[in-house]
Amino acid sequence: MGVIHKIGRRKTAVARVYVSEGTGVITVNKKEFATYFPTATLQYKVMQPMSMTENATNFDVKVNVFGGGSTGQAEAVRMALARAMCEVNAENRSILKPEGLLTRDPRMVERKKFGQKKARKRFQFSKR
């Protein structure tokens, strides 16, 4: 097979995933997967495409991820892994697509506007 390289994005996080045949070892930014994503929710999000396609122990995964927060990074890794699983076997697409794992989530933080406190919040108006 060789190495499959895919990119996933969420908010401002970008994840590059390198999938190769192996025993199921996942390394994120040269750290162990469980130490980089300590909570069970984030670990579940990252493992979702692998477990749905029943490939959790068939491949070794190396991940480079930067930008955003921990949730955005986990969802970026999830998207990249889902794309990689589709390249491994085309039949996996019909499993992952209905769950929304192949869809790029376009929601981003709205920018702060000039003359306002935040994106939509205004400064308080006071009558004297």
Protein backbone atom coordinates (compact mmCIF):
# COMPACT_ATOMS: atom_id res chain seq x y z
CA MET A 1 0.00 0.00 0.00
CA GLY A 2 2.45 2.80 0.89
CA VAL A 3 1.71 5.98 2.80
CA ILE A 4 -1.55 7.87 2.33
CA HIS A 5 -1.38 11.63 3.01
CA LYS A 6 -4.60 13.60 3.66
CA ILE A 7 -5.49 17.02 5.08
CA GLY A 8 -8.44 17.93 7.31
CA ARG A 9 -9.54 21.37 8.51
CA ARG A 10 -11.88 22.74 11.17
CA LYS A 11 -12.12 26.39 12.26
CA THR A 12 -8.45 27.46 12.17
CA ALA A 13 -6.99 23.99 12.86
CA VAL A 14 -5.21 22.10 10.08
CA ALA A 15 -4.33 18.40 10.40
CA ARG A 16 -2.04 16.46 8.09
CA VAL A 17 -2.42 12.69 8.43
CA TYR A 18 -0.05 10.00 7.18
CA VAL A 19 -1.62 6.51 7.21
CA SER A 20 0.42 3.35 6.64
CA GLU A 21 -0.15 -0.34 7.32
CA GLY A 22 0.70 -1.34 10.88
CA THR A 23 -0.70 -2.26 14.28
CA GLY A 24 -2.91 0.70 15.22
CA VAL A 25 -0.38 3.13 16.75
CA ILE A 26 -1.49 6.78 16.55
CA THR A 27 1.08 9.56 17.06
CA VAL A 28 0.02 13.22 17.21
CA ASN A 29 2.77 15.87 17.00
CA LYS A 30 5.36 13.25 18.10
CA LYS A 31 3.33 12.48 21.24
CA GLU A 32 1.17 9.52 22.09
CA PHE A 33 -2.44 9.92 20.98
CA ALA A 34 -3.91 9.56 24.51
CA THR A 35 -1.60 12.20 26.00
CA TYR A 36 -2.25 14.77 23.24
CA PHE A 37 -6.05 14.34 23.43
CA PRO A 38 -6.59 13.57 27.15
CA THR A 39 -10.40 13.55 27.33
CA ALA A 40 -12.52 10.58 26.26
CA THR A 41 -14.70 12.80 24.04
CA LEU A 42 -11.76 14.00 21.96
CA GLN A 43 -10.34 10.47 21.72
CA TYR A 44 -13.73 9.20 20.52
CA LYS A 45 -13.91 11.94 17.85
CA VAL A 46 -10.45 11.07 16.52
CA MET A 47 -11.11 7.31 16.49
CA GLN A 48 -14.62 7.57 14.97
CA PRO A 49 -13.68 7.03 11.28
CA MET A 50 -11.30 4.17 12.15
CA SER A 51 -13.82 2.35 14.35
CA MET A 52 -16.75 2.85 11.95
CA THR A 53 -14.77 1.25 9.10
CA GLU A 54 -13.34 -1.41 11.47
CA ASN A 55 -9.72 -0.42 10.74
CA ALA A 56 -8.66 0.64 14.26
CA THR A 57 -5.88 -1.97 14.50
CA ASN A 58 -4.91 -2.24 10.82
CA PHE A 59 -3.08 1.07 10.29
CA ASP A 60 -0.41 3.23 11.92
CA VAL A 61 -1.22 6.94 11.86
CA LYS A 62 1.13 9.91 12.16
CA VAL A 63 -0.54 13.31 12.58
CA ASN A 64 0.81 16.86 12.36
CA VAL A 65 -1.79 19.31 13.63
CA PHE A 66 -1.58 23.04 14.37
CA GLY A 67 -3.85 26.02 14.93
CA GLY A 68 -7.11 26.33 16.80
CA GLY A 69 -8.03 24.65 20.07
CA SER A 70 -8.20 21.05 21.15
CA THR A 71 -11.74 20.39 19.85
CA GLY A 72 -11.03 21.98 16.48
CA GLN A 73 -7.83 19.98 16.19
CA ALA A 74 -9.60 16.71 17.06
CA GLU A 75 -12.28 17.36 14.45
CA ALA A 76 -9.65 18.28 11.85
CA VAL A 77 -7.87 14.97 12.51
CA ARG A 78 -11.21 13.15 12.27
CA MET A 79 -11.88 14.65 8.84
CA ALA A 80 -8.41 13.79 7.55
CA LEU A 81 -8.70 10.21 8.81
CA ALA A 82 -12.13 9.86 7.19
CA ARG A 83 -10.67 11.01 3.86
CA ALA A 84 -7.81 8.53 4.25
CA MET A 85 -10.21 5.65 5.00
CA CYS A 86 -12.08 6.48 1.78
CA GLU A 87 -8.83 6.18 -0.17
CA VAL A 88 -8.01 2.85 1.50
CA ASN A 89 -11.33 1.37 0.39
CA ALA A 90 -13.93 3.17 -1.75
CA GLU A 91 -16.76 1.30 0.02
CA ASN A 92 -15.94 3.16 3.26
CA ARG A 93 -17.36 6.33 1.70
CA SER A 94 -20.93 5.01 1.99
CA ILE A 95 -20.33 4.39 5.72
CA LEU A 96 -18.71 7.75 6.54
CA LYS A 97 -20.71 10.13 4.33
CA PRO A 98 -24.11 9.76 6.11
CA GLU A 99 -22.43 10.53 9.45
CA GLY A 100 -21.08 13.82 8.06
CA LEU A 101 -17.42 12.94 8.57
CA LEU A 102 -16.45 13.90 5.00
CA THR A 103 -18.14 17.32 5.09
CA ARG A 104 -16.01 20.38 5.86
CA ASP A 105 -17.67 22.37 8.65
CA PRO A 106 -17.57 25.96 7.32
CA ARG A 107 -18.35 27.72 10.62
CA MET A 108 -15.63 30.16 11.63
CA VAL A 109 -15.37 32.84 14.32
CA GLU A 110 -16.95 36.08 13.16
CA ARG A 111 -14.56 39.02 13.14
CA LYS A 112 -14.79 41.89 15.64
CA LYS A 113 -16.30 45.03 14.11
CA PHE A 114 -14.93 48.57 14.53
CA GLY A 115 -16.79 50.61 17.15
CA GLN A 116 -18.23 47.53 18.86
CA LYS A 117 -17.19 45.50 21.87
CA LYS A 118 -17.20 42.14 20.01
CA ALA A 119 -18.53 40.81 16.71
CA ARG A 120 -22.15 41.60 17.50
CA LYS A 121 -22.14 42.99 21.05
CA ARG A 122 -22.27 46.80 21.19
CA PHE A 123 -20.92 49.17 23.80
CA GLN A 124 -23.54 50.03 26.40
CA PHE A 125 -25.64 53.07 25.59
CA SER A 126 -26.35 55.36 28.53
CA LYS A 127 -28.78 58.27 28.71
CA ARG A 128 -27.67 61.12 30.93
